[in-house]
Amino acid sequence: MRKNIYLSAILLFIICGACKNMGGSPNYETLPAITENGNINVVIEIPAGTNHKIEYQKESRTFENDMEDDEIRIINFLPYPGNYGFIPSTYMDPERGGDGDALDVLLIAEHLETGQVMEARPIAALRLSDRGEIDTKIIAIPTAAENKLINADNFIEFMLEYGSAKLIIEEWFLNYKGLGTIELLGWEDENYALGEINKWMLSQN
């Protein structure tokens, strides 16, 4: 009896492992951008404190290291200052001036795992130009009190109470691809951020 249970457990472990390798991750694109509470969903690609450029692959539903010259791409700069990812059910349509990807978001929180989904509140938008292409980064904080690192619920509070953190984020994005590659267009408040999310949000129908 014990032998049968043991063999069944091994078989289940093998099957589950195979499912995982075949791309058993959930379809993150079907998650709503806006939650029932009026906040946003954030899918984490790159945990805070890493230099590895990790991206979600829609076709395989997996998270993979970006490759550059047949080598794993590692950011040649300081680690990411927050958890970097995307807002699901958004698409920045190139025909409307977007970059062809989901809307980027930097979540100010402790290290989160790749693939983790967290409810958050946008507090700002950092507007950049990447080689002439508009590149907006939504800045957000977790809604759950236990996950918050800063007590700023809007852009004014963020700017007044955490001006140094704002500057660090700005300088990081201006320099992580090399000096002169990224141009600062300006900062916007939480209302602008929500407007950007609604602008690029896909229909849920």
Protein backbone atom coordinates (compact mmCIF):
# COMPACT_ATOMS: atom_id res chain seq x y z
CA MET A 1 0.00 0.00 0.00
CA ARG A 2 2.75 2.42 0.98
CA LYS A 3 4.66 1.49 -2.16
CA ASN A 4 1.64 2.38 -4.32
CA ILE A 5 1.21 5.72 -2.57
CA TYR A 6 4.92 6.44 -3.01
CA LEU A 7 4.80 5.60 -6.72
CA SER A 8 1.67 7.72 -7.19
CA ALA A 9 3.37 10.68 -5.53
CA ILE A 10 6.39 10.36 -7.81
CA LEU A 11 4.15 10.14 -10.89
CA LEU A 12 2.20 13.24 -9.81
CA PHE A 13 5.46 15.12 -9.26
CA ILE A 14 6.68 14.21 -12.75
CA ILE A 15 3.39 15.20 -14.38
CA CYS A 16 3.27 18.55 -12.56
CA GLY A 17 6.86 19.25 -13.52
CA ALA A 18 6.12 18.49 -17.15
CA CYS A 19 3.09 20.83 -17.09
CA LYS A 20 5.23 23.60 -15.69
CA ASN A 21 7.89 23.14 -18.37
CA MET A 22 5.22 23.18 -21.08
CA GLY A 23 4.16 26.67 -20.09
CA GLY A 24 1.60 26.06 -17.37
CA SER A 25 1.66 29.69 -16.22
CA PRO A 26 -1.65 31.53 -16.21
CA ASN A 27 -2.60 33.75 -19.11
CA TYR A 28 -1.71 37.12 -17.61
CA GLU A 29 -3.21 39.03 -20.53
CA THR A 30 -6.71 38.02 -19.42
CA LEU A 31 -6.32 39.75 -16.06
CA PRO A 32 -8.15 43.08 -15.94
CA ALA A 33 -6.08 46.25 -15.87
CA ILE A 34 -8.42 47.84 -13.35
CA THR A 35 -9.55 45.89 -10.28
CA GLU A 36 -13.04 45.90 -8.78
CA ASN A 37 -11.75 48.39 -6.19
CA GLY A 38 -10.65 50.83 -8.86
CA ASN A 39 -6.95 50.03 -8.40
CA ILE A 40 -4.66 48.33 -10.93
CA ASN A 41 -3.17 44.88 -11.35
CA VAL A 42 0.60 44.69 -11.72
CA VAL A 43 2.39 41.63 -13.12
CA ILE A 44 6.00 41.45 -11.94
CA GLU A 45 8.62 40.59 -14.54
CA ILE A 46 11.81 41.90 -12.92
CA PRO A 47 12.13 41.77 -9.12
CA ALA A 48 13.58 44.75 -7.30
CA GLY A 49 17.33 44.46 -6.82
CA THR A 50 18.20 42.44 -9.92
CA ASN A 51 20.02 43.38 -13.13
CA HIS A 52 18.51 40.60 -15.25
CA LYS A 53 16.16 41.82 -18.00
CA ILE A 54 13.22 39.42 -17.75
CA GLU A 55 10.20 39.65 -20.06
CA TYR A 56 6.88 37.85 -20.28
CA GLN A 57 6.43 35.87 -23.49
CA LYS A 58 2.78 35.83 -24.62
CA GLU A 59 3.11 32.82 -26.91
CA SER A 60 4.56 30.45 -24.31
CA ARG A 61 3.15 32.22 -21.24
CA THR A 62 6.55 32.08 -19.63
CA PHE A 63 9.00 34.61 -18.25
CA GLU A 64 12.38 34.51 -19.96
CA ASN A 65 15.63 36.40 -19.78
CA ASP A 66 16.00 38.82 -22.68
CA MET A 67 18.86 37.82 -24.99
CA GLU A 68 21.45 40.11 -26.57
CA ASP A 69 24.11 38.78 -28.95
CA ASP A 70 23.17 35.21 -27.92
CA GLU A 71 23.86 36.00 -24.27
CA ILE A 72 21.53 36.66 -21.35
CA ARG A 73 20.97 40.40 -21.17
CA ILE A 74 22.09 41.92 -17.90
CA ILE A 75 21.63 45.64 -17.28
CA ASN A 76 25.08 47.23 -17.09
CA PHE A 77 24.10 49.57 -14.32
CA LEU A 78 22.70 49.55 -10.79
CA PRO A 79 19.93 47.00 -10.08
CA TYR A 80 16.29 47.88 -10.67
CA PRO A 81 15.14 50.29 -7.92
CA GLY A 82 11.70 48.67 -7.73
CA ASN A 83 9.71 45.74 -9.06
CA TYR A 84 9.30 46.22 -12.80
CA GLY A 85 6.52 44.74 -14.85
CA PHE A 86 3.40 45.52 -16.82
CA ILE A 87 -0.27 46.30 -16.43
CA PRO A 88 -2.26 43.41 -17.96
CA SER A 89 -4.95 44.01 -20.57
CA THR A 90 -3.12 47.07 -21.88
CA TYR A 91 -1.49 47.47 -25.28
CA MET A 92 0.39 50.53 -26.50
CA ASP A 93 -0.68 50.40 -30.14
CA PRO A 94 2.12 51.66 -32.44
CA GLU A 95 -0.50 53.14 -34.75
CA ARG A 96 -1.48 55.43 -31.88
CA GLY A 97 2.07 56.30 -30.88
CA GLY A 98 2.76 53.35 -28.57
CA ASP A 99 5.71 50.95 -28.48
CA GLY A 100 3.78 47.74 -29.16
CA ASP A 101 3.96 46.42 -25.60
CA ALA A 102 1.82 46.50 -22.48
CA LEU A 103 2.09 49.61 -20.30
CA ASP A 104 5.19 49.50 -18.09
CA VAL A 105 4.99 49.95 -14.34
CA LEU A 106 7.51 50.29 -11.52
CA LEU A 107 6.07 49.05 -8.22
CA ILE A 108 7.76 50.51 -5.14
CA ALA A 109 7.88 47.52 -2.81
CA GLU A 110 10.28 44.95 -1.42
CA HIS A 111 11.58 42.19 -3.68
CA LEU A 112 8.69 40.31 -5.32
CA GLU A 113 8.88 37.13 -7.35
CA THR A 114 8.68 37.05 -11.14
CA GLY A 115 5.11 36.22 -12.15
CA GLN A 116 3.57 37.57 -8.96
CA VAL A 117 0.45 39.69 -9.38
CA MET A 118 -0.19 42.54 -6.96
CA GLU A 119 -2.97 45.07 -6.61
CA ALA A 120 -1.53 48.57 -6.64
CA ARG A 121 -2.35 52.27 -6.81
CA PRO A 122 -0.69 54.50 -9.42
CA ILE A 123 0.80 57.64 -7.89
CA ALA A 124 2.74 59.10 -10.81
CA ALA A 125 3.84 58.71 -14.41
CA LEU A 126 7.39 59.23 -15.65
CA ARG A 127 7.40 60.33 -19.28
CA LEU A 128 10.53 59.41 -21.23
CA SER A 129 11.72 59.35 -24.82
CA ASP A 130 13.69 56.24 -25.80
CA ARG A 131 15.52 56.90 -29.08
CA GLY A 132 12.71 59.20 -30.13
CA GLU A 133 9.92 56.84 -29.05
CA ILE A 134 7.59 57.85 -26.20
CA ASP A 135 8.10 55.52 -23.23
CA THR A 136 5.87 56.09 -20.21
CA LYS A 137 6.53 54.39 -16.87
CA ILE A 138 3.68 54.20 -14.37
CA ILE A 139 4.91 54.51 -10.78
CA ALA A 140 2.76 52.61 -8.29
CA ILE A 141 2.57 51.45 -4.68
CA PRO A 142 0.87 48.33 -3.26
CA THR A 143 -2.62 48.84 -1.85
CA ALA A 144 -2.12 46.36 0.99
CA ALA A 145 -0.70 48.13 4.06
CA GLU A 146 1.68 45.25 4.85
CA ASN A 147 3.36 45.62 1.45
CA LYS A 148 3.80 49.39 1.51
CA LEU A 149 7.25 50.91 1.89
CA ILE A 150 6.29 54.58 1.54
CA ASN A 151 3.30 56.55 2.79
CA ALA A 152 2.43 58.41 -0.37
CA ASP A 153 -0.97 57.95 -1.99
CA ASN A 154 -0.59 60.61 -4.68
CA PHE A 155 2.01 62.51 -6.66
CA ILE A 156 2.09 65.56 -4.39
CA GLU A 157 2.86 63.43 -1.32
CA PHE A 158 5.44 61.45 -3.29
CA MET A 159 7.13 64.61 -4.53
CA LEU A 160 7.15 66.39 -1.15
CA GLU A 161 7.89 63.49 1.19
CA TYR A 162 10.03 61.28 -1.05
CA GLY A 163 11.70 63.70 -3.42
CA SER A 164 14.99 61.82 -3.18
CA ALA A 165 13.32 58.54 -4.15
CA LYS A 166 11.68 60.31 -7.09
CA LEU A 167 15.10 61.60 -8.18
CA ILE A 168 16.70 58.16 -7.84
CA ILE A 169 14.00 56.59 -10.05
CA GLU A 170 14.39 59.37 -12.60
CA GLU A 171 18.18 59.10 -12.74
CA TRP A 172 18.03 55.31 -12.96
CA PHE A 173 15.77 55.33 -16.01
CA LEU A 174 17.80 58.09 -17.65
CA ASN A 175 21.04 56.12 -17.35
CA TYR A 176 20.38 52.36 -17.34
CA LYS A 177 20.71 52.10 -21.14
CA GLY A 178 23.74 54.35 -21.29
CA LEU A 179 24.24 58.08 -21.11
CA GLY A 180 22.20 60.06 -23.61
CA THR A 181 19.95 57.21 -24.79
CA ILE A 182 16.90 58.16 -22.73
CA GLU A 183 15.49 61.69 -22.60
CA LEU A 184 13.32 63.05 -19.78
CA LEU A 185 10.01 64.52 -20.93
CA GLY A 186 8.63 65.12 -17.45
CA TRP A 187 6.65 63.84 -14.48
CA GLU A 188 2.87 63.65 -14.26
CA ASP A 189 0.45 63.00 -11.41
CA GLU A 190 -1.80 60.05 -10.56
CA ASN A 191 -4.67 61.37 -12.68
CA TYR A 192 -2.45 61.43 -15.76
CA ALA A 193 -1.28 57.90 -14.90
CA LEU A 194 -4.87 56.64 -14.74
CA GLY A 195 -5.58 58.42 -18.01
CA GLU A 196 -2.69 56.58 -19.66
CA ILE A 197 -3.95 53.25 -18.34
CA ASN A 198 -7.44 53.92 -19.69
CA LYS A 199 -5.99 55.14 -22.99
CA TRP A 200 -4.14 51.88 -23.64
CA MET A 201 -6.57 49.51 -21.93
CA LEU A 202 -7.94 46.72 -24.10
CA SER A 203 -11.66 46.06 -24.23
CA GLN A 204 -12.78 43.46 -21.70
CA ASN A 205 -15.65 42.38 -23.94
